[in-house]
Amino acid sequence: MAEFFERLEDAPPINQPLALGSVCAVFLKDHVLLERRSDNGQWSFLGGKADDGETPLECAARELEEETGLIGLDLKFVKLFDNPGSIGAYDDGNVVQTHFSLFTAQLDHEPQLRISEESLELRFVSISELHKLSIVASHNPILRWIEEYTLETKRMTPELNIQFEENDQRGRFFADLGDGQQAEMTFIRHGDIMVVDHTGVPKPFEGRGIAAKLVVAGVEFAREIGRKIRPVCPYVVVQFKRHKEWADVLAA
């Protein structure tokens, strides 16, 4: 079994070229996707070594598809882990220094997953329960980052008070986020049909599920007063494709 180090002075001499790779943290609300590896039975985040000539984003997308079947996710680069002490000493005598790029993705519903030969299990794990799992030592820096990220997100994400306003032709659902910033979903009204043409969330608040909550508010409003929604905003189109239970308010 490999031994992993985080301090250069604790590790044996490096005897292999620097290994570059990417890791994905895929979030579903307050859960994150992990795999239980078939080589050692431990848990890890999704990812692996980059192929020759592959960019970090290409590596992340390929590894995610190979290990889970997920494709087309909006992967966002968040951090390069380039600690010179990130070293693995393997049973075959190889001692490798590893640098990897971390990407995140946010899901609003549980997807269909495909387990690869490299995994025994795929599971969305509550972030509060991560410390109870045996996670590969090389991913300890990611684990610490996720715990810090979760605390910071909770601190910075405002409680949403979604409001509604419209005139004869246009309307919107919106939420004040503080410091004069707003998130909104706008529509053009044609009789009882709301043509949703735009959703917008300020960059500092992206990736926190705010846009999804605006869409849910629109669906609930349409049901309550007997309107229909015709999505033309690409984000809302995708949401309606994912949520078949919204078919009753989808305009033909």
Protein backbone atom coordinates (compact mmCIF):
# COMPACT_ATOMS: atom_id res chain seq x y z
CA MET A 1 0.00 0.00 0.00
CA ALA A 2 1.24 3.51 -0.81
CA GLU A 3 2.37 5.92 1.88
CA PHE A 4 1.59 9.60 1.40
CA PHE A 5 3.36 12.64 2.75
CA GLU A 6 2.56 16.33 3.00
CA ARG A 7 6.00 17.57 4.08
CA LEU A 8 9.03 17.32 1.83
CA GLU A 9 11.36 16.71 4.77
CA ASP A 10 9.32 13.67 5.87
CA ALA A 11 9.30 11.93 2.47
CA PRO A 12 11.94 9.71 0.83
CA PRO A 13 13.83 11.11 -2.19
CA ILE A 14 11.70 11.62 -5.29
CA ASN A 15 12.72 9.29 -8.15
CA GLN A 16 9.97 9.86 -10.72
CA PRO A 17 8.81 12.84 -12.84
CA LEU A 18 6.23 15.21 -11.40
CA ALA A 19 2.71 13.78 -11.79
CA LEU A 20 -0.04 16.20 -12.79
CA GLY A 21 -3.75 15.49 -12.43
CA SER A 22 -7.20 16.81 -11.69
CA VAL A 23 -9.79 16.11 -8.99
CA CYS A 24 -13.52 16.92 -9.02
CA ALA A 25 -15.70 17.78 -6.05
CA VAL A 26 -19.29 17.30 -7.25
CA PHE A 27 -21.80 18.80 -4.81
CA LEU A 28 -25.47 18.00 -4.36
CA LYS A 29 -26.75 20.46 -1.76
CA ASP A 30 -24.76 19.64 1.39
CA HIS A 31 -23.43 16.34 0.01
CA VAL A 32 -20.38 15.60 -2.12
CA LEU A 33 -19.77 12.67 -4.46
CA LEU A 34 -17.12 10.11 -3.47
CA GLU A 35 -15.98 6.76 -4.82
CA ARG A 36 -14.84 3.74 -2.82
CA ARG A 37 -11.81 2.50 -4.67
CA SER A 38 -11.41 -1.11 -5.74
CA ASP A 39 -7.62 -1.09 -5.22
CA ASN A 40 -7.66 -0.37 -1.47
CA GLY A 41 -11.29 -0.08 -0.35
CA GLN A 42 -10.81 3.52 0.75
CA TRP A 43 -12.85 6.52 -0.30
CA SER A 44 -11.66 9.32 -2.55
CA PHE A 45 -12.88 12.21 -4.63
CA LEU A 46 -13.17 11.71 -8.39
CA GLY A 47 -10.10 12.29 -10.52
CA GLY A 48 -6.77 11.01 -11.67
CA LYS A 49 -3.56 11.59 -13.60
CA ALA A 50 -3.59 13.74 -16.72
CA ASP A 51 -2.79 12.18 -20.09
CA ASP A 52 0.02 13.67 -22.17
CA GLY A 53 -1.02 17.02 -23.64
CA GLU A 54 -4.26 17.12 -21.67
CA THR A 55 -5.34 20.35 -19.97
CA PRO A 56 -6.49 20.21 -16.32
CA LEU A 57 -10.10 20.82 -17.39
CA GLU A 58 -9.94 18.09 -20.04
CA CYS A 59 -8.48 15.71 -17.49
CA ALA A 60 -11.22 16.53 -14.96
CA ALA A 61 -14.02 16.02 -17.50
CA ARG A 62 -12.54 12.74 -18.79
CA GLU A 63 -11.98 11.28 -15.33
CA LEU A 64 -15.49 12.26 -14.26
CA GLU A 65 -17.04 10.58 -17.29
CA GLU A 66 -14.90 7.43 -16.96
CA GLU A 67 -15.57 7.00 -13.24
CA THR A 68 -19.23 8.09 -13.01
CA GLY A 69 -20.71 8.46 -16.50
CA LEU A 70 -21.38 12.16 -15.83
CA ILE A 71 -20.84 14.46 -18.79
CA GLY A 72 -21.47 18.09 -19.59
CA LEU A 73 -21.13 19.40 -16.03
CA ASP A 74 -20.17 23.03 -15.47
CA LEU A 75 -16.74 22.40 -13.96
CA LYS A 76 -15.19 25.40 -12.25
CA PHE A 77 -11.50 25.58 -11.41
CA VAL A 78 -11.01 26.58 -7.77
CA LYS A 79 -7.48 25.72 -6.65
CA LEU A 80 -4.12 24.29 -7.68
CA PHE A 81 -2.69 22.02 -4.99
CA ASP A 82 1.04 22.37 -5.64
CA ASN A 83 2.51 21.63 -2.21
CA PRO A 84 6.08 20.39 -2.89
CA GLY A 85 5.62 17.95 -0.02
CA SER A 86 2.69 16.16 -1.69
CA ILE A 87 4.54 12.89 -2.29
CA GLY A 88 3.51 9.26 -2.59
CA ALA A 89 5.86 6.35 -1.91
CA TYR A 90 4.63 3.19 -3.64
CA ASP A 91 5.27 -0.52 -3.11
CA ASP A 92 7.15 -0.78 -6.42
CA GLY A 93 9.76 1.69 -5.14
CA ASN A 94 8.51 4.71 -7.07
CA VAL A 95 8.39 7.98 -5.14
CA VAL A 96 6.25 10.54 -6.92
CA GLN A 97 5.52 14.21 -6.27
CA THR A 98 1.95 15.12 -7.29
CA HIS A 99 0.31 18.42 -8.16
CA PHE A 100 -3.40 18.50 -8.99
CA SER A 101 -6.08 20.97 -9.98
CA LEU A 102 -9.36 20.95 -8.09
CA PHE A 103 -12.62 21.57 -9.95
CA THR A 104 -16.12 21.81 -8.50
CA ALA A 105 -19.57 21.25 -9.95
CA GLN A 106 -23.00 21.88 -8.44
CA LEU A 107 -25.97 19.57 -9.09
CA ASP A 108 -29.61 20.32 -8.29
CA HIS A 109 -30.84 16.72 -8.51
CA GLU A 110 -29.36 13.27 -7.99
CA PRO A 111 -28.07 11.91 -11.31
CA GLN A 112 -27.88 8.41 -12.70
CA LEU A 113 -24.34 7.20 -11.99
CA ARG A 114 -22.30 4.47 -13.67
CA ILE A 115 -19.69 2.65 -11.58
CA SER A 116 -16.39 1.90 -13.29
CA GLU A 117 -14.03 -1.03 -12.68
CA GLU A 118 -11.93 1.29 -10.52
CA SER A 119 -14.76 1.72 -8.00
CA LEU A 120 -16.68 -0.48 -5.61
CA GLU A 121 -19.27 2.18 -4.85
CA LEU A 122 -20.28 5.75 -5.68
CA ARG A 123 -22.08 7.73 -3.03
CA PHE A 124 -23.16 11.28 -2.20
CA VAL A 125 -21.89 11.77 1.34
CA SER A 126 -23.01 14.47 3.74
CA ILE A 127 -20.14 16.89 4.26
CA SER A 128 -20.71 16.62 8.01
CA GLU A 129 -20.10 12.85 7.76
CA LEU A 130 -16.87 12.93 5.72
CA HIS A 131 -14.67 12.62 8.80
CA LYS A 132 -16.23 9.22 9.54
CA LEU A 133 -14.95 7.69 6.30
CA SER A 134 -11.54 6.25 5.54
CA ILE A 135 -10.40 8.68 2.84
CA VAL A 136 -7.11 8.20 0.98
CA ALA A 137 -4.39 10.26 2.63
CA SER A 138 -3.46 12.00 -0.61
CA HIS A 139 -6.89 13.67 -0.60
CA ASN A 140 -6.62 15.11 2.91
CA PRO A 141 -5.87 18.60 1.51
CA ILE A 142 -9.10 18.44 -0.51
CA LEU A 143 -11.03 17.31 2.54
CA ARG A 144 -9.74 20.31 4.49
CA TRP A 145 -10.57 22.64 1.61
CA ILE A 146 -14.15 21.32 1.39
CA GLU A 147 -14.72 21.78 5.10
CA GLU A 148 -13.42 25.37 4.90
CA TYR A 149 -15.39 26.05 1.70
CA THR A 150 -18.61 24.79 3.32
CA LEU A 151 -18.18 27.01 6.35
CA GLU A 152 -17.43 30.04 4.17
CA THR A 153 -20.38 29.35 1.86
CA LYS A 154 -22.78 29.10 4.79
CA ARG A 155 -21.40 32.34 6.17
CA MET A 156 -21.71 34.23 2.88
CA THR A 157 -24.93 32.79 1.42
CA PRO A 158 -27.82 35.10 2.30
CA GLU A 159 -31.23 33.92 3.39
CA LEU A 160 -33.30 34.31 0.23
CA ASN A 161 -36.46 36.35 0.31
CA ILE A 162 -37.69 35.88 -3.26
CA GLN A 163 -39.98 38.67 -4.43
CA PHE A 164 -42.14 39.13 -7.49
CA GLU A 165 -43.05 42.11 -9.63
CA GLU A 166 -44.63 42.61 -13.06
CA ASN A 167 -46.34 45.11 -15.30
CA ASP A 168 -48.52 44.49 -18.34
CA GLN A 169 -45.76 42.90 -20.41
CA ARG A 170 -42.75 42.02 -18.27
CA GLY A 171 -42.05 40.64 -14.84
CA ARG A 172 -39.40 39.06 -12.69
CA PHE A 173 -38.65 37.01 -9.61
CA PHE A 174 -35.76 38.50 -7.67
CA ALA A 175 -33.87 38.41 -4.39
CA ASP A 176 -31.76 41.06 -2.73
CA LEU A 177 -28.32 39.68 -1.86
CA GLY A 178 -26.95 42.68 -0.03
CA ASP A 179 -24.62 45.52 -1.05
CA GLY A 180 -27.06 46.51 -3.79
CA GLN A 181 -26.75 43.18 -5.63
CA GLN A 182 -29.70 41.14 -6.85
CA ALA A 183 -30.36 37.76 -8.42
CA GLU A 184 -33.26 37.62 -10.84
CA MET A 185 -35.26 35.55 -13.28
CA THR A 186 -37.12 37.65 -15.84
CA PHE A 187 -40.00 36.86 -18.16
CA ILE A 188 -42.19 38.33 -20.89
CA ARG A 189 -45.89 37.80 -20.36
CA HIS A 190 -48.18 36.65 -23.18
CA GLY A 191 -51.58 36.17 -21.61
CA ASP A 192 -51.25 33.32 -19.12
CA ILE A 193 -47.83 32.29 -20.44
CA MET A 194 -44.60 33.54 -18.88
CA VAL A 195 -41.74 33.35 -21.39
CA VAL A 196 -38.70 33.10 -19.13
CA ASP A 197 -35.83 34.74 -21.00
CA HIS A 198 -33.10 35.32 -18.44
CA THR A 199 -31.64 34.28 -15.10
CA GLY A 200 -28.79 36.17 -13.52
CA VAL A 201 -26.78 35.77 -10.33
CA PRO A 202 -23.85 38.06 -9.47
CA LYS A 203 -20.49 36.28 -9.74
CA PRO A 204 -19.67 36.37 -6.02
CA PHE A 205 -22.87 34.38 -5.39
CA GLU A 206 -22.59 31.82 -8.19
CA GLY A 207 -22.59 28.11 -7.39
CA ARG A 208 -24.88 28.36 -4.36
CA GLY A 209 -28.16 27.19 -5.89
CA ILE A 210 -29.70 30.68 -6.01
CA ALA A 211 -30.75 30.48 -9.66
CA ALA A 212 -32.41 27.10 -9.03
CA LYS A 213 -34.43 28.60 -6.18
CA LEU A 214 -35.66 31.38 -8.47
CA VAL A 215 -36.87 28.79 -10.99
CA VAL A 216 -38.65 26.83 -8.25
CA ALA A 217 -40.34 30.04 -7.11
CA GLY A 218 -41.54 30.64 -10.66
CA VAL A 219 -42.92 27.12 -10.98
CA GLU A 220 -44.77 27.36 -7.66
CA PHE A 221 -46.19 30.76 -8.62
CA ALA A 222 -47.40 29.46 -11.98
CA ARG A 223 -49.15 26.52 -10.33
CA GLU A 224 -50.79 28.71 -7.74
CA ILE A 225 -52.41 31.16 -10.16
CA GLY A 226 -52.88 28.90 -13.20
CA ARG A 227 -50.16 30.18 -15.52
CA LYS A 228 -47.74 28.33 -17.79
CA ILE A 229 -44.02 28.77 -18.32
CA ARG A 230 -42.22 28.72 -21.67
CA PRO A 231 -38.47 28.63 -20.96
CA VAL A 232 -36.11 30.16 -23.51
CA CYS A 233 -33.30 30.98 -21.08
CA PRO A 234 -30.81 28.08 -21.55
CA TYR A 235 -30.45 27.52 -17.80
CA VAL A 236 -34.22 27.27 -17.29
CA VAL A 237 -34.59 25.01 -20.34
CA VAL A 238 -32.13 22.58 -18.73
CA GLN A 239 -33.96 22.73 -15.40
CA PHE A 240 -37.28 21.82 -17.01
CA LYS A 241 -35.65 18.89 -18.84
CA ARG A 242 -34.35 17.61 -15.51
CA HIS A 243 -37.57 18.13 -13.58
CA LYS A 244 -40.26 16.09 -15.30
CA GLU A 245 -42.58 16.84 -12.38
CA TRP A 246 -42.86 20.42 -13.69
CA ALA A 247 -44.62 19.26 -16.88
CA ASP A 248 -47.97 20.58 -15.62
CA VAL A 249 -46.77 24.19 -15.88
CA LEU A 250 -44.74 23.81 -19.10
CA ALA A 251 -46.35 25.68 -22.00
CA ALA A 252 -46.75 23.70 -25.18
